[in-house]
N, C-alpha and C. Protein backbone atom coordinates (compact mmCIF):
# COMPACT_ATOMS: atom_id res chain seq x y z
N MET A 1 -15.99 -1.42 -13.97
CA MET A 1 -14.64 -1.45 -12.65
C MET A 1 -13.24 -1.43 -12.88
N ARG A 2 -13.04 -1.15 -14.53
CA ARG A 2 -11.98 -1.13 -14.73
C ARG A 2 -11.61 0.33 -14.25
N ASN A 3 -12.64 1.34 -14.30
CA ASN A 3 -12.50 2.68 -14.23
C ASN A 3 -11.89 2.91 -12.63
N ALA A 4 -12.35 1.61 -11.89
CA ALA A 4 -12.16 1.86 -10.13
C ALA A 4 -10.50 1.66 -10.34
N TYR A 5 -10.13 0.97 -10.71
CA TYR A 5 -9.01 -0.20 -10.85
C TYR A 5 -8.05 1.39 -11.28
N LEU A 6 -8.19 1.93 -12.06
CA LEU A 6 -7.18 3.05 -12.75
C LEU A 6 -7.48 3.79 -11.83
N THR A 7 -8.55 4.13 -11.11
CA THR A 7 -8.15 5.48 -10.41
C THR A 7 -7.41 5.11 -9.15
N ALA A 8 -7.75 3.61 -8.58
CA ALA A 8 -7.27 3.78 -7.61
C ALA A 8 -5.56 3.43 -7.53
N ALA A 9 -5.41 3.08 -9.01
CA ALA A 9 -3.67 2.88 -9.24
C ALA A 9 -3.28 4.39 -9.76
N ARG A 10 -4.44 5.08 -9.59
CA ARG A 10 -3.37 7.05 -10.18
C ARG A 10 -3.36 7.61 -8.36
N SER A 11 -3.92 7.04 -7.78
CA SER A 11 -4.04 7.44 -6.44
C SER A 11 -3.01 7.50 -5.56
N LEU A 12 -2.58 5.97 -5.49
CA LEU A 12 -1.50 4.95 -5.52
C LEU A 12 -0.04 5.82 -5.51
N GLN A 13 -0.19 6.04 -7.25
CA GLN A 13 1.39 6.52 -7.95
C GLN A 13 1.04 8.12 -7.36
N LEU A 14 0.42 9.31 -7.41
CA LEU A 14 0.38 10.41 -6.22
C LEU A 14 0.82 10.19 -5.44
N GLY A 15 0.36 9.46 -4.50
CA GLY A 15 0.58 9.72 -3.16
C GLY A 15 2.27 8.88 -3.16
N ARG A 16 2.76 8.43 -4.02
CA ARG A 16 4.10 7.58 -3.60
C ARG A 16 4.75 8.58 -4.06
N GLU A 17 4.45 9.21 -5.18
CA GLU A 17 4.99 11.12 -5.86
C GLU A 17 4.67 12.11 -5.12
N TRP A 18 3.71 12.18 -3.93
CA TRP A 18 3.92 13.35 -2.75
C TRP A 18 4.23 12.47 -1.89
N ALA A 19 4.77 11.01 -1.49
CA ALA A 19 5.64 10.86 -0.40
C ALA A 19 6.91 11.20 -0.95
N VAL A 20 7.74 11.31 -1.40
CA VAL A 20 8.75 11.28 -2.36
C VAL A 20 8.79 12.56 -2.16
N GLU A 21 8.42 13.15 -2.57
CA GLU A 21 8.62 15.15 -2.28
C GLU A 21 8.63 15.63 -1.10
N GLY A 22 8.07 14.47 0.14
CA GLY A 22 7.97 15.00 1.32
C GLY A 22 6.16 15.86 1.57
N ASP A 23 5.37 15.38 0.81
CA ASP A 23 4.49 15.93 1.30
C ASP A 23 3.25 14.74 1.66
N GLN A 24 3.76 14.00 3.32
CA GLN A 24 2.92 13.05 3.77
C GLN A 24 1.48 13.32 3.72
N PRO A 25 1.37 14.45 4.55
CA PRO A 25 0.14 14.45 4.49
C PRO A 25 -0.99 14.16 3.58
N ARG A 26 -0.58 14.94 2.78
CA ARG A 26 -0.95 14.97 1.31
C ARG A 26 -0.86 13.51 0.81
N ALA A 27 0.37 12.72 0.45
CA ALA A 27 0.26 11.12 0.12
C ALA A 27 -0.70 10.59 1.14
N LEU A 28 -0.50 10.23 2.53
CA LEU A 28 -1.91 10.18 3.32
C LEU A 28 -2.94 9.51 2.62
N GLU A 29 -3.03 10.78 2.60
CA GLU A 29 -4.69 11.34 2.20
C GLU A 29 -5.19 10.67 0.63
N ALA A 30 -3.89 10.27 -0.23
CA ALA A 30 -4.40 9.60 -1.76
C ALA A 30 -4.30 8.28 -1.52
N TYR A 31 -3.69 7.85 0.00
CA TYR A 31 -4.08 6.44 -0.09
C TYR A 31 -4.73 6.13 0.06
N ALA A 32 -5.41 7.01 0.95
CA ALA A 32 -7.06 6.49 1.69
C ALA A 32 -7.80 6.44 0.66
N GLU A 33 -7.73 7.03 0.21
CA GLU A 33 -8.27 7.29 -1.72
C GLU A 33 -8.97 5.68 -2.24
N ALA A 34 -7.64 5.80 -2.04
CA ALA A 34 -7.14 4.17 -2.89
C ALA A 34 -7.90 2.71 -1.97
N LEU A 35 -7.71 2.99 -0.83
CA LEU A 35 -8.17 2.19 -0.15
C LEU A 35 -9.37 2.03 0.20
N SER A 36 -9.97 3.28 0.40
CA SER A 36 -11.73 3.31 0.43
C SER A 36 -12.32 2.99 -0.88
N LEU A 37 -11.74 2.66 -1.89
CA LEU A 37 -12.68 2.81 -3.74
C LEU A 37 -11.81 1.57 -3.48
N LEU A 38 -10.73 0.72 -3.10
CA LEU A 38 -10.89 -0.53 -3.63
C LEU A 38 -11.42 -1.88 -2.28
N ARG A 39 -11.52 -0.98 -1.22
CA ARG A 39 -12.54 -2.08 -0.46
C ARG A 39 -14.19 -2.17 -0.71
N THR A 40 -14.67 -0.87 -1.70
CA THR A 40 -15.93 -1.25 -2.88
C THR A 40 -15.79 -2.51 -3.91
N LEU A 41 -14.66 -2.66 -3.56
CA LEU A 41 -15.14 -3.71 -4.92
C LEU A 41 -15.28 -5.62 -4.91
N PRO A 42 -15.74 -5.95 -5.60
CA PRO A 42 -15.34 -7.55 -5.16
C PRO A 42 -13.90 -7.99 -5.14
N PRO A 43 -13.64 -9.01 -3.98
CA PRO A 43 -12.49 -10.25 -4.46
C PRO A 43 -11.74 -9.96 -5.56
N GLU A 44 -10.04 -9.56 -6.31
CA GLU A 44 -10.12 -10.03 -7.70
C GLU A 44 -8.61 -9.99 -7.20
N ARG A 45 -7.86 -10.43 -7.91
CA ARG A 45 -6.20 -10.53 -7.93
C ARG A 45 -5.64 -8.86 -8.00
N THR A 46 -6.66 -8.65 -9.24
CA THR A 46 -5.81 -6.58 -9.64
C THR A 46 -6.14 -5.98 -8.12
N ARG A 47 -6.81 -6.58 -7.78
CA ARG A 47 -8.00 -5.63 -6.12
C ARG A 47 -6.79 -5.76 -5.55
N ASP A 48 -6.56 -7.21 -5.05
CA ASP A 48 -5.88 -7.50 -3.93
C ASP A 48 -4.29 -6.89 -4.29
N VAL A 49 -3.62 -6.94 -5.36
CA VAL A 49 -1.88 -6.67 -5.90
C VAL A 49 -2.19 -5.30 -5.23
N LEU A 50 -2.97 -4.50 -5.98
CA LEU A 50 -3.41 -2.68 -5.74
C LEU A 50 -3.50 -2.55 -4.11
N LEU A 51 -4.40 -2.94 -3.53
CA LEU A 51 -4.27 -3.12 -1.76
C LEU A 51 -3.14 -3.51 -0.90
N ALA A 52 -2.45 -4.81 -1.64
CA ALA A 52 -0.82 -4.91 -0.96
C ALA A 52 -0.02 -3.22 -0.95
N HIS A 53 0.10 -2.91 -2.24
CA HIS A 53 0.99 -2.24 -2.88
C HIS A 53 0.57 -0.97 -1.60
N THR A 54 -0.58 -0.35 -1.95
CA THR A 54 -1.48 1.11 -0.93
C THR A 54 -0.74 0.82 0.28
N HIS A 55 -1.55 -1.11 0.93
CA HIS A 55 -1.11 -0.78 2.95
C HIS A 55 0.24 -0.42 2.51
N LEU A 56 1.12 -1.06 1.90
CA LEU A 56 2.95 -1.29 2.10
C LEU A 56 3.14 0.40 1.88
N ALA A 57 2.67 0.95 1.25
CA ALA A 57 3.36 2.78 1.07
C ALA A 57 2.14 3.49 2.23
N PHE A 58 1.32 3.21 2.17
CA PHE A 58 0.27 3.34 3.55
C PHE A 58 1.98 3.39 4.76
N TYR A 59 2.18 2.11 5.39
CA TYR A 59 3.18 1.20 6.21
C TYR A 59 4.75 2.83 6.29
N GLN A 60 5.15 2.11 4.35
CA GLN A 60 5.94 3.31 4.49
C GLN A 60 6.46 5.06 4.58
N THR A 61 5.06 5.06 4.35
CA THR A 61 5.40 7.07 4.67
C THR A 61 5.00 7.02 5.78
N LEU A 62 4.07 6.20 6.84
CA LEU A 62 4.12 7.04 8.69
C LEU A 62 5.47 6.27 8.91
N ALA A 63 5.78 4.82 8.25
CA ALA A 63 7.31 4.97 9.20
C ALA A 63 8.22 5.78 8.86
N LEU A 64 8.27 6.60 7.31
CA LEU A 64 8.98 7.73 7.30
C LEU A 64 8.51 8.88 8.54
N VAL A 65 7.87 9.26 8.74
CA VAL A 65 7.59 9.98 9.58
C VAL A 65 7.49 9.76 11.10
N GLY A 66 7.42 8.24 10.93
CA GLY A 66 7.79 7.88 12.71
C GLY A 66 6.20 8.46 13.38
N SER A 67 5.15 7.81 12.64
CA SER A 67 3.87 8.04 13.06
C SER A 67 3.02 6.75 13.66
N PRO A 68 2.34 6.34 14.80
CA PRO A 68 2.43 5.33 15.05
C PRO A 68 0.86 4.58 14.10
N GLY A 69 0.90 3.62 14.36
CA GLY A 69 -0.67 2.85 13.34
C GLY A 69 -0.54 1.91 12.21
N GLY A 70 0.80 2.27 11.36
CA GLY A 70 1.95 1.64 10.39
C GLY A 70 1.57 0.35 10.55
N GLN A 71 1.21 -0.67 11.54
CA GLN A 71 1.89 -1.54 11.81
C GLN A 71 0.44 -2.83 11.26
N SER A 72 -0.95 -2.17 11.11
CA SER A 72 -2.03 -2.81 9.98
C SER A 72 -1.70 -2.67 8.94
N HIS A 73 -1.45 -1.81 8.25
CA HIS A 73 -0.98 -1.47 7.00
C HIS A 73 0.31 -2.43 6.83
N LEU A 74 1.26 -2.41 7.64
CA LEU A 74 1.97 -3.57 7.10
C LEU A 74 1.02 -4.54 7.06
N HIS A 75 0.86 -5.21 8.07
CA HIS A 75 0.43 -6.50 8.18
C HIS A 75 -1.09 -6.54 7.31
N LEU A 76 -1.23 -6.24 6.88
CA LEU A 76 -2.39 -6.18 5.68
C LEU A 76 -1.64 -6.22 4.49
N GLY A 77 -0.41 -5.43 4.21
CA GLY A 77 -0.04 -5.40 2.98
C GLY A 77 0.87 -6.52 2.98
N VAL A 78 1.34 -7.36 4.22
CA VAL A 78 1.82 -8.16 4.34
C VAL A 78 1.38 -9.36 3.12
N SER A 79 -0.02 -9.37 4.11
CA SER A 79 -0.88 -10.40 3.92
C SER A 79 -1.12 -10.62 2.42
N TYR A 80 -1.27 -9.52 1.41
CA TYR A 80 -2.16 -9.26 0.27
C TYR A 80 -0.99 -9.88 -0.71
N ALA A 81 0.23 -9.46 -0.47
CA ALA A 81 1.63 -9.82 -0.61
C ALA A 81 1.40 -11.10 -0.73
N ARG A 82 1.23 -11.51 -0.10
CA ARG A 82 1.80 -13.21 0.31
C ARG A 82 0.32 -14.16 -1.25
N SER A 83 -0.56 -13.26 -0.80
CA SER A 83 -2.02 -14.10 -1.46
C SER A 83 -1.77 -14.07 -2.48
N THR A 84 -1.24 -12.47 -2.86
CA THR A 84 -1.52 -12.61 -4.69
C THR A 84 -0.29 -13.46 -5.75
N ARG A 85 1.42 -13.54 -4.55
CA ARG A 85 2.11 -13.81 -5.17
C ARG A 85 2.52 -12.90 -6.24
N ASP A 86 1.76 -11.72 -6.03
CA ASP A 86 2.80 -10.66 -7.16
C ASP A 86 4.10 -10.09 -6.91
N PRO A 87 5.19 -10.42 -7.22
CA PRO A 87 6.92 -10.61 -7.29
C PRO A 87 7.27 -9.03 -6.75
N LEU A 88 6.27 -7.82 -7.30
CA LEU A 88 6.90 -6.34 -6.53
C LEU A 88 6.26 -6.38 -4.65
N ALA A 89 5.05 -6.86 -5.24
CA ALA A 89 4.67 -6.29 -3.83
C ALA A 89 5.22 -7.34 -2.81
N ARG A 90 5.89 -8.48 -3.65
CA ARG A 90 6.69 -9.47 -2.28
C ARG A 90 7.89 -9.12 -1.90
N ALA A 91 8.49 -8.22 -3.03
CA ALA A 91 9.83 -8.08 -2.92
C ALA A 91 9.61 -6.16 -1.43
N ILE A 92 8.51 -5.28 -2.06
CA ILE A 92 8.58 -4.68 -0.98
C ILE A 92 8.03 -5.22 0.50
N ALA A 93 7.42 -5.71 0.54
CA ALA A 93 7.07 -6.74 1.76
C ALA A 93 8.18 -6.90 2.77
N GLU A 94 8.67 -7.53 1.93
CA GLU A 94 10.29 -8.54 2.15
C GLU A 94 11.35 -6.87 2.46
N GLU A 95 11.26 -5.85 1.87
CA GLU A 95 12.11 -4.96 2.54
C GLU A 95 11.21 -4.06 3.78
N CYS A 96 9.86 -3.99 4.14
CA CYS A 96 9.78 -3.83 4.81
C CYS A 96 9.90 -4.47 6.37
N LEU A 97 9.29 -6.22 6.04
CA LEU A 97 9.88 -6.80 7.26
C LEU A 97 11.56 -6.36 7.17
N SER A 98 12.32 -6.63 6.27
CA SER A 98 13.73 -6.77 7.21
C SER A 98 14.36 -5.84 8.58
N GLY A 99 13.42 -4.86 7.96
CA GLY A 99 13.99 -3.65 9.49
C GLY A 99 13.72 -4.48 10.47
N LEU A 100 12.39 -5.16 10.76
CA LEU A 100 11.77 -5.66 11.93
C LEU A 100 12.31 -6.94 11.90
N ASP A 101 13.69 -7.13 11.17
CA ASP A 101 14.00 -8.61 11.78
C ASP A 101 12.91 -9.64 11.63
N VAL A 102 11.83 -9.88 10.57
CA VAL A 102 10.99 -10.94 10.62
C VAL A 102 11.03 -11.35 8.99
N VAL A 103 11.03 -12.70 8.62
CA VAL A 103 10.54 -12.97 7.06
C VAL A 103 9.85 -13.33 6.99
N MET A 104 9.40 -13.12 5.69
CA MET A 104 8.06 -13.23 5.11
C MET A 104 7.58 -14.93 4.91
């Protein structure tokens, strides 16, 4: 299971790097790979923290390109950030919500 977490974290990291470089399609593919893998794992804090970060990164990347469909990722990312109480995930969620005039 540890390998699955490392693989998902690496996909998330690569996705973020590609998004910053402007390669949004490749970034979205990496996020989708991470989500697919994480969804196969049993509920656990590490999995949920990674899900929060991945959903929020997915939302941010979709928002950058003005693509629809990001709201479900925002909703899930905020939900996981709240439940895990991960400080970084919560900060990212609050940043995403601040543009929507919503308080976490």
